[in-house]
Amino acid sequence: WEAIILFVLATPVQFGPGQRFVRSAYMSIRHGAASMDVLIALGSSVAYFYSLFSLLMAVVCGDWWDCTVFFDTSAMLITVVLLGRMMEHSSKGRTSEALTKLMTLQPKMAEVVEIPRRER
């Protein structure tokens, strides 16, 4: 039952949020460059479809309780990368805001004080 539950939970992740990686990877490859999205799409898709094949073969052969699946790997890969991107976006926004506030602290005028040199 574990494999079927993992399939049910991983499928919406793979075909929901995971589709943005597939689309981005397709566009990337189409333009002749490989981005990180290619690796994410490839890794999550291979894990998902291998697991699906393994589950289907186990059901057909009758021993579906004894199959190795990686649905959780597929879903976790997509989830962790999306969470990382969300945290990066949030920290960039806060950094930009902090720099803007820091720029307002800059004085309008400054006085240059020259210290006379001592000769040896």
PDB file of N, CA and C in Angstrom:
ATOM      1  N   TRP A   1       0.792  -1.198   0.000  1.00  0.00           N
ATOM      2  CA  TRP A   1       0.000   0.000   0.000  1.00  0.00           C
ATOM      3  C   TRP A   1       0.837   1.267   0.000  1.00  0.00           C
ATOM      4  N   GLU A   2       2.014   1.169   0.560  1.00  0.00           N
ATOM      5  CA  GLU A   2       2.875   2.337   0.654  1.00  0.00           C
ATOM      6  C   GLU A   2       3.186   2.918  -0.727  1.00  0.00           C
ATOM      7  N   ALA A   3       3.469   2.055  -1.680  1.00  0.00           N
ATOM      8  CA  ALA A   3       3.798   2.514  -3.033  1.00  0.00           C
ATOM      9  C   ALA A   3       2.614   3.229  -3.680  1.00  0.00           C
ATOM     10  N   ILE A   4       1.417   2.732  -3.457  1.00  0.00           N
ATOM     11  CA  ILE A   4       0.230   3.365  -4.039  1.00  0.00           C
ATOM     12  C   ILE A   4      -0.038   4.715  -3.377  1.00  0.00           C
ATOM     13  N   ILE A   5       0.151   4.796  -2.067  1.00  0.00           N
ATOM     14  CA  ILE A   5      -0.026   6.067  -1.356  1.00  0.00           C
ATOM     15  C   ILE A   5       1.000   7.088  -1.844  1.00  0.00           C
ATOM     16  N   LEU A   6       2.254   6.658  -1.999  1.00  0.00           N
ATOM     17  CA  LEU A   6       3.284   7.569  -2.514  1.00  0.00           C
ATOM     18  C   LEU A   6       2.962   8.027  -3.932  1.00  0.00           C
ATOM     19  N   PHE A   7       2.426   7.123  -4.745  1.00  0.00           N
ATOM     20  CA  PHE A   7       2.014   7.494  -6.105  1.00  0.00           C
ATOM     21  C   PHE A   7       0.928   8.566  -6.075  1.00  0.00           C
ATOM     22  N   VAL A   8      -0.070   8.365  -5.226  1.00  0.00           N
ATOM     23  CA  VAL A   8      -1.178   9.320  -5.129  1.00  0.00           C
ATOM     24  C   VAL A   8      -0.681  10.679  -4.627  1.00  0.00           C
ATOM     25  N   LEU A   9       0.252  10.697  -3.704  1.00  0.00           N
ATOM     26  CA  LEU A   9       0.752  11.961  -3.160  1.00  0.00           C
ATOM     27  C   LEU A   9       1.749  12.655  -4.098  1.00  0.00           C
ATOM     28  N   ALA A  10       2.536  11.894  -4.835  1.00  0.00           N
ATOM     29  CA  ALA A  10       3.569  12.490  -5.685  1.00  0.00           C
ATOM     30  C   ALA A  10       3.044  12.957  -7.039  1.00  0.00           C
ATOM     31  N   THR A  11       1.976  12.369  -7.516  1.00  0.00           N
ATOM     32  CA  THR A  11       1.461  12.725  -8.840  1.00  0.00           C
ATOM     33  C   THR A  11       1.053  14.197  -8.956  1.00  0.00           C
ATOM     34  N   PRO A  12       0.312  14.767  -7.993  1.00  0.00           N
ATOM     35  CA  PRO A  12      -0.013  16.191  -8.117  1.00  0.00           C
ATOM     36  C   PRO A  12       1.225  17.095  -8.060  1.00  0.00           C
ATOM     37  N   VAL A  13       2.223  16.704  -7.312  1.00  0.00           N
ATOM     38  CA  VAL A  13       3.453  17.501  -7.233  1.00  0.00           C
ATOM     39  C   VAL A  13       4.201  17.435  -8.562  1.00  0.00           C
ATOM     40  N   GLN A  14       4.288  16.254  -9.138  1.00  0.00           N
ATOM     41  CA  GLN A  14       5.008  16.078 -10.397  1.00  0.00           C
ATOM     42  C   GLN A  14       4.351  16.839 -11.539  1.00  0.00           C
ATOM     43  N   PHE A  15       3.035  16.786 -11.613  1.00  0.00           N
ATOM     44  CA  PHE A  15       2.341  17.401 -12.743  1.00  0.00           C
ATOM     45  C   PHE A  15       1.752  18.775 -12.415  1.00  0.00           C
ATOM     46  N   GLY A  16       1.895  19.224 -11.194  1.00  0.00           N
ATOM     47  CA  GLY A  16       1.472  20.564 -10.808  1.00  0.00           C
ATOM     48  C   GLY A  16       2.690  21.498 -10.823  1.00  0.00           C
ATOM     49  N   PRO A  17       3.304  21.691  -9.673  1.00  0.00           N
ATOM     50  CA  PRO A  17       4.476  22.565  -9.600  1.00  0.00           C
ATOM     51  C   PRO A  17       5.669  22.069 -10.422  1.00  0.00           C
ATOM     52  N   GLY A  18       5.747  20.776 -10.645  1.00  0.00           N
ATOM     53  CA  GLY A  18       6.864  20.224 -11.408  1.00  0.00           C
ATOM     54  C   GLY A  18       6.853  20.588 -12.884  1.00  0.00           C
ATOM     55  N   GLN A  19       5.683  20.944 -13.393  1.00  0.00           N
ATOM     56  CA  GLN A  19       5.579  21.285 -14.815  1.00  0.00           C
ATOM     57  C   GLN A  19       6.373  22.522 -15.181  1.00  0.00           C
ATOM     58  N   ARG A  20       6.536  23.466 -14.240  1.00  0.00           N
ATOM     59  CA  ARG A  20       7.307  24.667 -14.561  1.00  0.00           C
ATOM     60  C   ARG A  20       8.756  24.320 -14.867  1.00  0.00           C
ATOM     61  N   PHE A  21       9.293  23.281 -14.209  1.00  0.00           N
ATOM     62  CA  PHE A  21      10.660  22.857 -14.492  1.00  0.00           C
ATOM     63  C   PHE A  21      10.753  22.189 -15.859  1.00  0.00           C
ATOM     64  N   VAL A  22       9.726  21.423 -16.208  1.00  0.00           N
ATOM     65  CA  VAL A  22       9.716  20.741 -17.506  1.00  0.00           C
ATOM     66  C   VAL A  22       9.641  21.768 -18.635  1.00  0.00           C
ATOM     67  N   ARG A  23       8.748  22.759 -18.492  1.00  0.00           N
ATOM     68  CA  ARG A  23       8.632  23.797 -19.518  1.00  0.00           C
ATOM     69  C   ARG A  23       9.918  24.602 -19.655  1.00  0.00           C
ATOM     70  N   SER A  24      10.490  24.984 -18.518  1.00  0.00           N
ATOM     71  CA  SER A  24      11.737  25.759 -18.542  1.00  0.00           C
ATOM     72  C   SER A  24      12.878  24.933 -19.131  1.00  0.00           C
ATOM     73  N   ALA A  25      12.926  23.651 -18.816  1.00  0.00           N
ATOM     74  CA  ALA A  25      13.970  22.772 -19.352  1.00  0.00           C
ATOM     75  C   ALA A  25      13.808  22.626 -20.867  1.00  0.00           C
ATOM     76  N   TYR A  26      12.579  22.484 -21.314  1.00  0.00           N
ATOM     77  CA  TYR A  26      12.323  22.364 -22.749  1.00  0.00           C
ATOM     78  C   TYR A  26      12.803  23.610 -23.492  1.00  0.00           C
ATOM     79  N   MET A  27      12.450  24.782 -22.963  1.00  0.00           N
ATOM     80  CA  MET A  27      12.868  26.038 -23.604  1.00  0.00           C
ATOM     81  C   MET A  27      14.387  26.181 -23.565  1.00  0.00           C
ATOM     82  N   SER A  28      14.976  25.764 -22.480  1.00  0.00           N
ATOM     83  CA  SER A  28      16.425  25.847 -22.328  1.00  0.00           C
ATOM     84  C   SER A  28      17.139  24.973 -23.359  1.00  0.00           C
ATOM     85  N   ILE A  29      16.694  23.754 -23.483  1.00  0.00           N
ATOM     86  CA  ILE A  29      17.312  22.828 -24.445  1.00  0.00           C
ATOM     87  C   ILE A  29      17.046  23.287 -25.867  1.00  0.00           C
ATOM     88  N   ARG A  30      15.859  23.819 -26.104  1.00  0.00           N
ATOM     89  CA  ARG A  30      15.511  24.314 -27.433  1.00  0.00           C
ATOM     90  C   ARG A  30      16.438  25.442 -27.885  1.00  0.00           C
ATOM     91  N   HIS A  31      16.880  26.251 -26.917  1.00  0.00           N
ATOM     92  CA  HIS A  31      17.795  27.351 -27.228  1.00  0.00           C
ATOM     93  C   HIS A  31      19.258  26.935 -27.154  1.00  0.00           C
ATOM     94  N   GLY A  32      19.514  25.658 -26.935  1.00  0.00           N
ATOM     95  CA  GLY A  32      20.880  25.145 -26.969  1.00  0.00           C
ATOM     96  C   GLY A  32      21.682  25.338 -25.692  1.00  0.00           C
ATOM     97  N   ALA A  33      21.019  25.549 -24.585  1.00  0.00           N
ATOM     98  CA  ALA A  33      21.710  25.712 -23.305  1.00  0.00           C
ATOM     99  C   ALA A  33      21.008  24.841 -22.265  1.00  0.00           C
ATOM    100  N   ALA A  34      21.771  24.368 -21.327  1.00  0.00           N
ATOM    101  CA  ALA A  34      21.194  23.557 -20.263  1.00  0.00           C
ATOM    102  C   ALA A  34      21.279  24.335 -18.958  1.00  0.00           C
ATOM    103  N   SER A  35      20.140  24.488 -18.307  1.00  0.00           N
ATOM    104  CA  SER A  35      20.100  25.198 -17.034  1.00  0.00           C
ATOM    105  C   SER A  35      19.873  24.191 -15.909  1.00  0.00           C
ATOM    106  N   MET A  36      19.778  24.710 -14.699  1.00  0.00           N
ATOM    107  CA  MET A  36      19.528  23.848 -13.553  1.00  0.00           C
ATOM    108  C   MET A  36      18.146  23.192 -13.669  1.00  0.00           C
ATOM    109  N   ASP A  37      17.225  23.857 -14.337  1.00  0.00           N
ATOM    110  CA  ASP A  37      15.888  23.299 -14.507  1.00  0.00           C
ATOM    111  C   ASP A  37      15.909  22.001 -15.310  1.00  0.00           C
ATOM    112  N   VAL A  38      16.858  21.862 -16.213  1.00  0.00           N
ATOM    113  CA  VAL A  38      16.997  20.613 -16.979  1.00  0.00           C
ATOM    114  C   VAL A  38      17.323  19.466 -16.032  1.00  0.00           C
ATOM    115  N   LEU A  39      18.238  19.713 -15.101  1.00  0.00           N
ATOM    116  CA  LEU A  39      18.615  18.666 -14.144  1.00  0.00           C
ATOM    117  C   LEU A  39      17.457  18.306 -13.218  1.00  0.00           C
ATOM    118  N   ILE A  40      16.735  19.303 -12.773  1.00  0.00           N
ATOM    119  CA  ILE A  40      15.602  19.057 -11.875  1.00  0.00           C
ATOM    120  C   ILE A  40      14.501  18.298 -12.606  1.00  0.00           C
ATOM    121  N   ALA A  41      14.166  18.741 -13.815  1.00  0.00           N
ATOM    122  CA  ALA A  41      13.126  18.068 -14.594  1.00  0.00           C
ATOM    123  C   ALA A  41      13.530  16.635 -14.921  1.00  0.00           C
ATOM    124  N   LEU A  42      14.770  16.456 -15.307  1.00  0.00           N
ATOM    125  CA  LEU A  42      15.246  15.116 -15.657  1.00  0.00           C
ATOM    126  C   LEU A  42      15.255  14.198 -14.443  1.00  0.00           C
ATOM    127  N   GLY A  43      15.799  14.690 -13.330  1.00  0.00           N
ATOM    128  CA  GLY A  43      15.875  13.865 -12.117  1.00  0.00           C
ATOM    129  C   GLY A  43      14.516  13.493 -11.571  1.00  0.00           C
ATOM    130  N   SER A  44      13.633  14.471 -11.479  1.00  0.00           N
ATOM    131  CA  SER A  44      12.312  14.174 -10.914  1.00  0.00           C
ATOM    132  C   SER A  44      11.489  13.303 -11.866  1.00  0.00           C
ATOM    133  N   SER A  45      11.603  13.539 -13.165  1.00  0.00           N
ATOM    134  CA  SER A  45      10.839  12.736 -14.131  1.00  0.00           C
ATOM    135  C   SER A  45      11.326  11.296 -14.175  1.00  0.00           C
ATOM    136  N   VAL A  46      12.631  11.103 -14.153  1.00  0.00           N
ATOM    137  CA  VAL A  46      13.171   9.736 -14.161  1.00  0.00           C
ATOM    138  C   VAL A  46      12.739   8.994 -12.904  1.00  0.00           C
ATOM    139  N   ALA A  47      12.838   9.649 -11.745  1.00  0.00           N
ATOM    140  CA  ALA A  47      12.422   8.995 -10.500  1.00  0.00           C
ATOM    141  C   ALA A  47      10.931   8.644 -10.541  1.00  0.00           C
ATOM    142  N   TYR A  48      10.119   9.570 -11.031  1.00  0.00           N
ATOM    143  CA  TYR A  48       8.671   9.342 -11.070  1.00  0.00           C
ATOM    144  C   TYR A  48       8.303   8.231 -12.053  1.00  0.00           C
ATOM    145  N   PHE A  49       8.807   8.323 -13.272  1.00  0.00           N
ATOM    146  CA  PHE A  49       8.387   7.350 -14.286  1.00  0.00           C
ATOM    147  C   PHE A  49       9.008   5.968 -14.063  1.00  0.00           C
ATOM    148  N   TYR A  50      10.206   5.902 -13.483  1.00  0.00           N
ATOM    149  CA  TYR A  50      10.749   4.592 -13.102  1.00  0.00           C
ATOM    150  C   TYR A  50       9.865   3.964 -12.037  1.00  0.00           C
ATOM    151  N   SER A  51       9.458   4.770 -11.067  1.00  0.00           N
ATOM    152  CA  SER A  51       8.602   4.266  -9.996  1.00  0.00           C
ATOM    153  C   SER A  51       7.251   3.818 -10.537  1.00  0.00           C
ATOM    154  N   LEU A  52       6.718   4.600 -11.475  1.00  0.00           N
ATOM    155  CA  LEU A  52       5.435   4.223 -12.082  1.00  0.00           C
ATOM    156  C   LEU A  52       5.558   2.893 -12.824  1.00  0.00           C
ATOM    157  N   PHE A  53       6.628   2.739 -13.600  1.00  0.00           N
ATOM    158  CA  PHE A  53       6.875   1.485 -14.321  1.00  0.00           C
ATOM    159  C   PHE A  53       7.038   0.329 -13.340  1.00  0.00           C
ATOM    160  N   SER A  54       7.803   0.564 -12.275  1.00  0.00           N
ATOM    161  CA  SER A  54       8.025  -0.472 -11.274  1.00  0.00           C
ATOM    162  C   SER A  54       6.724  -0.881 -10.597  1.00  0.00           C
ATOM    163  N   LEU A  55       5.889   0.112 -10.282  1.00  0.00           N
ATOM    164  CA  LEU A  55       4.607  -0.173  -9.643  1.00  0.00           C
ATOM    165  C   LEU A  55       3.681  -0.940 -10.587  1.00  0.00           C
ATOM    166  N   LEU A  56       3.618  -0.518 -11.847  1.00  0.00           N
ATOM    167  CA  LEU A  56       2.762  -1.211 -12.812  1.00  0.00           C
ATOM    168  C   LEU A  56       3.225  -2.645 -13.043  1.00  0.00           C
ATOM    169  N   MET A  57       4.536  -2.846 -13.153  1.00  0.00           N
ATOM    170  CA  MET A  57       5.061  -4.209 -13.340  1.00  0.00           C
ATOM    171  C   MET A  57       4.779  -5.076 -12.118  1.00  0.00           C
ATOM    172  N   ALA A  58       4.860  -4.484 -10.939  1.00  0.00           N
ATOM    173  CA  ALA A  58       4.581  -5.261  -9.728  1.00  0.00           C
ATOM    174  C   ALA A  58       3.103  -5.640  -9.647  1.00  0.00           C
ATOM    175  N   VAL A  59       2.234  -4.740 -10.061  1.00  0.00           N
ATOM    176  CA  VAL A  59       0.791  -5.048 -10.055  1.00  0.00           C
ATOM    177  C   VAL A  59       0.480  -6.133 -11.081  1.00  0.00           C
ATOM    178  N   VAL A  60       1.078  -6.038 -12.273  1.00  0.00           N
ATOM    179  CA  VAL A  60       0.846  -7.033 -13.323  1.00  0.00           C
ATOM    180  C   VAL A  60       1.374  -8.399 -12.892  1.00  0.00           C
ATOM    181  N   CYS A  61       2.540  -8.413 -12.255  1.00  0.00           N
ATOM    182  CA  CYS A  61       3.135  -9.689 -11.842  1.00  0.00           C
ATOM    183  C   CYS A  61       2.509 -10.244 -10.565  1.00  0.00           C
ATOM    184  N   GLY A  62       1.756  -9.413  -9.869  1.00  0.00           N
ATOM    185  CA  GLY A  62       1.061  -9.916  -8.689  1.00  0.00           C
ATOM    186  C   GLY A  62       1.775  -9.703  -7.371  1.00  0.00           C
ATOM    187  N   ASP A  63       2.962  -9.140  -7.371  1.00  0.00           N
ATOM    188  CA  ASP A  63       3.659  -8.915  -6.095  1.00  0.00           C
ATOM    189  C   ASP A  63       3.845  -7.416  -5.851  1.00  0.00           C
ATOM    190  N   TRP A  64       2.760  -6.658  -5.892  1.00  0.00           N
ATOM    191  CA  TRP A  64       2.812  -5.201  -5.794  1.00  0.00           C
ATOM    192  C   TRP A  64       3.267  -4.715  -4.426  1.00  0.00           C
ATOM    193  N   TRP A  65       3.227  -5.577  -3.416  1.00  0.00           N
ATOM    194  CA  TRP A  65       3.669  -5.185  -2.075  1.00  0.00           C
ATOM    195  C   TRP A  65       5.192  -5.196  -1.953  1.00  0.00           C
ATOM    196  N   ASP A  66       5.862  -5.748  -2.972  1.00  0.00           N
ATOM    197  CA  ASP A  66       7.320  -5.881  -2.894  1.00  0.00           C
ATOM    198  C   ASP A  66       7.983  -5.160  -4.071  1.00  0.00           C
ATOM    199  N   CYS A  67       7.692  -3.866  -4.240  1.00  0.00           N
ATOM    200  CA  CYS A  67       8.333  -3.122  -5.319  1.00  0.00           C
ATOM    201  C   CYS A  67       9.048  -1.901  -4.747  1.00  0.00           C
ATOM    202  N   THR A  68      10.111  -1.523  -5.403  1.00  0.00           N
ATOM    203  CA  THR A  68      10.891  -0.358  -4.981  1.00  0.00           C
ATOM    204  C   THR A  68      10.466   0.838  -5.812  1.00  0.00           C
ATOM    205  N   VAL A  69      10.006   1.887  -5.128  1.00  0.00           N
ATOM    206  CA  VAL A  69       9.565   3.092  -5.828  1.00  0.00           C
ATOM    207  C   VAL A  69      10.297   4.311  -5.250  1.00  0.00           C
ATOM    208  N   PHE A  70      10.374   5.350  -6.081  1.00  0.00           N
ATOM    209  CA  PHE A  70      11.048   6.583  -5.695  1.00  0.00           C
ATOM    210  C   PHE A  70      10.135   7.789  -5.896  1.00  0.00           C
ATOM    211  N   PHE A  71       8.845   7.593  -5.695  1.00  0.00           N
ATOM    212  CA  PHE A  71       7.912   8.706  -5.830  1.00  0.00           C
ATOM    213  C   PHE A  71       8.244   9.822  -4.849  1.00  0.00           C
ATOM    214  N   ASP A  72       8.662   9.435  -3.658  1.00  0.00           N
ATOM    215  CA  ASP A  72       8.997  10.436  -2.646  1.00  0.00           C
ATOM    216  C   ASP A  72      10.204  11.279  -3.062  1.00  0.00           C
ATOM    217  N   THR A  73      11.153  10.670  -3.752  1.00  0.00           N
ATOM    218  CA  THR A  73      12.326  11.404  -4.233  1.00  0.00           C
ATOM    219  C   THR A  73      11.921  12.458  -5.252  1.00  0.00           C
ATOM    220  N   SER A  74      11.052  12.092  -6.138  1.00  0.00           N
ATOM    221  CA  SER A  74      10.565  13.021  -7.149  1.00  0.00           C
ATOM    222  C   SER A  74       9.883  14.219  -6.508  1.00  0.00           C
ATOM    223  N   ALA A  75       8.964  13.956  -5.597  1.00  0.00           N
ATOM    224  CA  ALA A  75       8.216  15.036  -4.946  1.00  0.00           C
ATOM    225  C   ALA A  75       9.119  15.893  -4.064  1.00  0.00           C
ATOM    226  N   MET A  76      10.032  15.270  -3.350  1.00  0.00           N
ATOM    227  CA  MET A  76      10.911  16.030  -2.462  1.00  0.00           C
ATOM    228  C   MET A  76      11.887  16.903  -3.241  1.00  0.00           C
ATOM    229  N   LEU A  77      12.364  16.420  -4.352  1.00  0.00           N
ATOM    230  CA  LEU A  77      13.277  17.218  -5.186  1.00  0.00           C
ATOM    231  C   LEU A  77      12.590  18.505  -5.637  1.00  0.00           C
ATOM    232  N   ILE A  78      11.392  18.369  -6.151  1.00  0.00           N
ATOM    233  CA  ILE A  78      10.641  19.540  -6.610  1.00  0.00           C
ATOM    234  C   ILE A  78      10.326  20.472  -5.444  1.00  0.00           C
ATOM    235  N   THR A  79       9.885  19.908  -4.336  1.00  0.00           N
ATOM    236  CA  THR A  79       9.502  20.709  -3.171  1.00  0.00           C
ATOM    237  C   THR A  79      10.685  21.469  -2.591  1.00  0.00           C
ATOM    238  N   VAL A  80      11.812  20.794  -2.425  1.00  0.00           N
ATOM    239  CA  VAL A  80      12.983  21.445  -1.828  1.00  0.00           C
ATOM    240  C   VAL A  80      13.510  22.563  -2.730  1.00  0.00           C
ATOM    241  N   VAL A  81      13.547  22.341  -4.026  1.00  0.00           N
ATOM    242  CA  VAL A  81      14.033  23.385  -4.939  1.00  0.00           C
ATOM    243  C   VAL A  81      13.084  24.580  -4.938  1.00  0.00           C
ATOM    244  N   LEU A  82      11.784  24.324  -4.941  1.00  0.00           N
ATOM    245  CA  LEU A  82      10.826  25.436  -4.901  1.00  0.00           C
ATOM    246  C   LEU A  82      10.900  26.204  -3.588  1.00  0.00           C
ATOM    247  N   LEU A  83      11.075  25.505  -2.474  1.00  0.00           N
ATOM    248  CA  LEU A  83      11.241  26.186  -1.186  1.00  0.00           C
ATOM    249  C   LEU A  83      12.521  27.014  -1.170  1.00  0.00           C
ATOM    250  N   GLY A  84      13.586  26.478  -1.741  1.00  0.00           N
ATOM    251  CA  GLY A  84      14.842  27.222  -1.813  1.00  0.00           C
ATOM    252  C   GLY A  84      14.700  28.483  -2.644  1.00  0.00           C
ATOM    253  N   ARG A  85      14.005  28.374  -3.765  1.00  0.00           N
ATOM    254  CA  ARG A  85      13.787  29.558  -4.605  1.00  0.00           C
ATOM    255  C   ARG A  85      12.927  30.591  -3.891  1.00  0.00           C
ATOM    256  N   MET A  86      11.940  30.118  -3.146  1.00  0.00           N
ATOM    257  CA  MET A  86      11.083  31.037  -2.403  1.00  0.00           C
ATOM    258  C   MET A  86      11.887  31.778  -1.330  1.00  0.00           C
ATOM    259  N   MET A  87      12.735  31.043  -0.608  1.00  0.00           N
ATOM    260  CA  MET A  87      13.560  31.680   0.418  1.00  0.00           C
ATOM    261  C   MET A  87      14.564  32.648  -0.197  1.00  0.00           C
ATOM    262  N   GLU A  88      15.133  32.290  -1.338  1.00  0.00           N
ATOM    263  CA  GLU A  88      16.070  33.179  -2.022  1.00  0.00           C
ATOM    264  C   GLU A  88      15.375  34.469  -2.459  1.00  0.00           C
ATOM    265  N   HIS A  89      14.192  34.335  -3.018  1.00  0.00           N
ATOM    266  CA  HIS A  89      13.432  35.506  -3.459  1.00  0.00           C
ATOM    267  C   HIS A  89      13.107  36.417  -2.269  1.00  0.00           C
ATOM    268  N   SER A  90      12.711  35.820  -1.168  1.00  0.00           N
ATOM    269  CA  SER A  90      12.372  36.582   0.032  1.00  0.00           C
ATOM    270  C   SER A  90      13.599  37.315   0.579  1.00  0.00           C
ATOM    271  N   SER A  91      14.734  36.631   0.630  1.00  0.00           N
ATOM    272  CA  SER A  91      15.936  37.272   1.171  1.00  0.00           C
ATOM    273  C   SER A  91      16.454  38.364   0.237  1.00  0.00           C
ATOM    274  N   LYS A  92      16.307  38.186  -1.067  1.00  0.00           N
ATOM    275  CA  LYS A  92      16.714  39.239  -2.002  1.00  0.00           C
ATOM    276  C   LYS A  92      15.862  40.483  -1.807  1.00  0.00           C
ATOM    277  N   GLY A  93      14.574  40.299  -1.594  1.00  0.00           N
ATOM    278  CA  GLY A  93      13.684  41.437  -1.368  1.00  0.00           C
ATOM    279  C   GLY A  93      14.042  42.178  -0.091  1.00  0.00           C
ATOM    280  N   ARG A  94      14.325  41.423   0.975  1.00  0.00           N
ATOM    281  CA  ARG A  94      14.692  42.067   2.234  1.00  0.00           C
ATOM    282  C   ARG A  94      16.036  42.756   2.138  1.00  0.00           C
ATOM    283  N   THR A  95      16.974  42.179   1.392  1.00  0.00           N
ATOM    284  CA  THR A  95      18.284  42.801   1.213  1.00  0.00           C
ATOM    285  C   THR A  95      18.157  44.100   0.442  1.00  0.00           C
ATOM    286  N   SER A  96      17.353  44.092  -0.593  1.00  0.00           N
ATOM    287  CA  SER A  96      17.136  45.296  -1.382  1.00  0.00           C
ATOM    288  C   SER A  96      16.510  46.392  -0.522  1.00  0.00           C
ATOM    289  N   GLU A  97      15.560  46.015   0.299  1.00  0.00           N
ATOM    290  CA  GLU A  97      14.905  46.970   1.191  1.00  0.00           C
ATOM    291  C   GLU A  97      15.898  47.543   2.203  1.00  0.00           C
ATOM    292  N   ALA A  98      16.756  46.683   2.749  1.00  0.00           N
ATOM    293  CA  ALA A  98      17.748  47.148   3.723  1.00  0.00           C
ATOM    294  C   ALA A  98      18.755  48.087   3.073  1.00  0.00           C
ATOM    295  N   LEU A  99      19.157  47.788   1.850  1.00  0.00           N
ATOM    296  CA  LEU A  99      20.093  48.673   1.150  1.00  0.00           C
ATOM    297  C   LEU A  99      19.453  50.025   0.845  1.00  0.00           C
ATOM    298  N   THR A 100      18.190  50.035   0.505  1.00  0.00           N
ATOM    299  CA  THR A 100      17.486  51.293   0.254  1.00  0.00           C
ATOM    300  C   THR A 100      17.437  52.135   1.526  1.00  0.00           C
ATOM    301  N   LYS A 101      17.153  51.504   2.655  1.00  0.00           N
ATOM    302  CA  LYS A 101      17.134  52.225   3.929  1.00  0.00           C
ATOM    303  C   LYS A 101      18.526  52.743   4.283  1.00  0.00           C
ATOM    304  N   LEU A 102      19.547  51.950   3.984  1.00  0.00           N
ATOM    305  CA  LEU A 102      20.920  52.359   4.265  1.00  0.00           C
ATOM    306  C   LEU A 102      21.314  53.563   3.418  1.00  0.00           C
ATOM    307  N   MET A 103      20.844  53.613   2.183  1.00  0.00           N
ATOM    308  CA  MET A 103      21.145  54.746   1.300  1.00  0.00           C
ATOM    309  C   MET A 103      20.528  56.041   1.824  1.00  0.00           C
ATOM    310  N   THR A 104      19.406  55.944   2.512  1.00  0.00           N
ATOM    311  CA  THR A 104      18.792  57.154   3.068  1.00  0.00           C
ATOM    312  C   THR A 104      19.597  57.724   4.226  1.00  0.00           C
ATOM    313  N   LEU A 105      20.453  56.928   4.821  1.00  0.00           N
ATOM    314  CA  LEU A 105      21.288  57.396   5.926  1.00  0.00           C
ATOM    315  C   LEU A 105      22.528  58.147   5.445  1.00  0.00           C
ATOM    316  N   GLN A 106      22.758  58.138   4.159  1.00  0.00           N
ATOM    317  CA  GLN A 106      23.929  58.800   3.597  1.00  0.00           C
ATOM    318  C   GLN A 106      23.795  60.310   3.791  1.00  0.00           C
ATOM    319  N   PRO A 107      24.841  60.962   4.319  1.00  0.00           N
ATOM    320  CA  PRO A 107      24.758  62.412   4.541  1.00  0.00           C
ATOM    321  C   PRO A 107      24.755  63.176   3.211  1.00  0.00           C
ATOM    322  N   LYS A 108      24.088  64.344   3.224  1.00  0.00           N
ATOM    323  CA  LYS A 108      24.017  65.167   2.023  1.00  0.00           C
ATOM    324  C   LYS A 108      25.356  65.844   1.748  1.00  0.00           C
ATOM    325  N   MET A 109      26.028  66.257   2.804  1.00  0.00           N
ATOM    326  CA  MET A 109      27.327  66.929   2.654  1.00  0.00           C
ATOM    327  C   MET A 109      28.325  66.271   3.591  1.00  0.00           C
ATOM    328  N   ALA A 110      29.578  66.335   3.190  1.00  0.00           N
ATOM    329  CA  ALA A 110      30.652  65.789   4.013  1.00  0.00           C
ATOM    330  C   ALA A 110      31.782  66.799   4.059  1.00  0.00           C
ATOM    331  N   GLU A 111      32.475  66.826   5.166  1.00  0.00           N
ATOM    332  CA  GLU A 111      33.606  67.738   5.322  1.00  0.00           C
ATOM    333  C   GLU A 111      34.880  66.915   5.306  1.00  0.00           C
ATOM    334  N   VAL A 112      35.818  67.326   4.487  1.00  0.00           N
ATOM    335  CA  VAL A 112      37.088  66.624   4.375  1.00  0.00           C
ATOM    336  C   VAL A 112      38.070  67.264   5.350  1.00  0.00           C
ATOM    337  N   VAL A 113      38.629  66.481   6.212  1.00  0.00           N
ATOM    338  CA  VAL A 113      39.619  66.951   7.171  1.00  0.00           C
ATOM    339  C   VAL A 113      40.964  66.360   6.783  1.00  0.00           C
ATOM    340  N   GLU A 114      41.900  67.237   6.482  1.00  0.00           N
ATOM    341  CA  GLU A 114      43.240  66.770   6.110  1.00  0.00           C
ATOM    342  C   GLU A 114      44.142  66.840   7.324  1.00  0.00           C
ATOM    343  N   ILE A 115      44.832  65.770   7.555  1.00  0.00           N
ATOM    344  CA  ILE A 115      45.795  65.706   8.647  1.00  0.00           C
ATOM    345  C   ILE A 115      47.172  65.973   8.071  1.00  0.00           C
ATOM    346  N   PRO A 116      47.910  66.949   8.637  1.00  0.00           N
ATOM    347  CA  PRO A 116      49.239  67.254   8.096  1.00  0.00           C
ATOM    348  C   PRO A 116      50.183  66.073   8.257  1.00  0.00           C
ATOM    349  N   ARG A 117      51.013  65.870   7.248  1.00  0.00           N
ATOM    350  CA  ARG A 117      51.989  64.778   7.255  1.00  0.00           C
ATOM    351  C   ARG A 117      53.182  65.136   8.102  1.00  0.00           C
ATOM    352  N   ARG A 118      53.666  64.209   8.838  1.00  0.00           N
ATOM    353  CA  ARG A 118      54.910  64.419   9.576  1.00  0.00           C
ATOM    354  C   ARG A 118      56.049  63.865   8.758  1.00  0.00           C
ATOM    355  N   GLU A 119      57.071  64.598   8.715  1.00  0.00           N
ATOM    356  CA  GLU A 119      58.233  64.105   7.968  1.00  0.00           C
ATOM    357  C   GLU A 119      59.195  63.433   8.921  1.00  0.00           C
ATOM    358  N   ARG A 120      59.856  62.434   8.470  1.00  0.00           N
ATOM    359  CA  ARG A 120      60.806  61.691   9.296  1.00  0.00           C
ATOM    360  C   ARG A 120      62.189  62.182   9.140  1.00  0.00           C
TER     361      ARG A 120
END
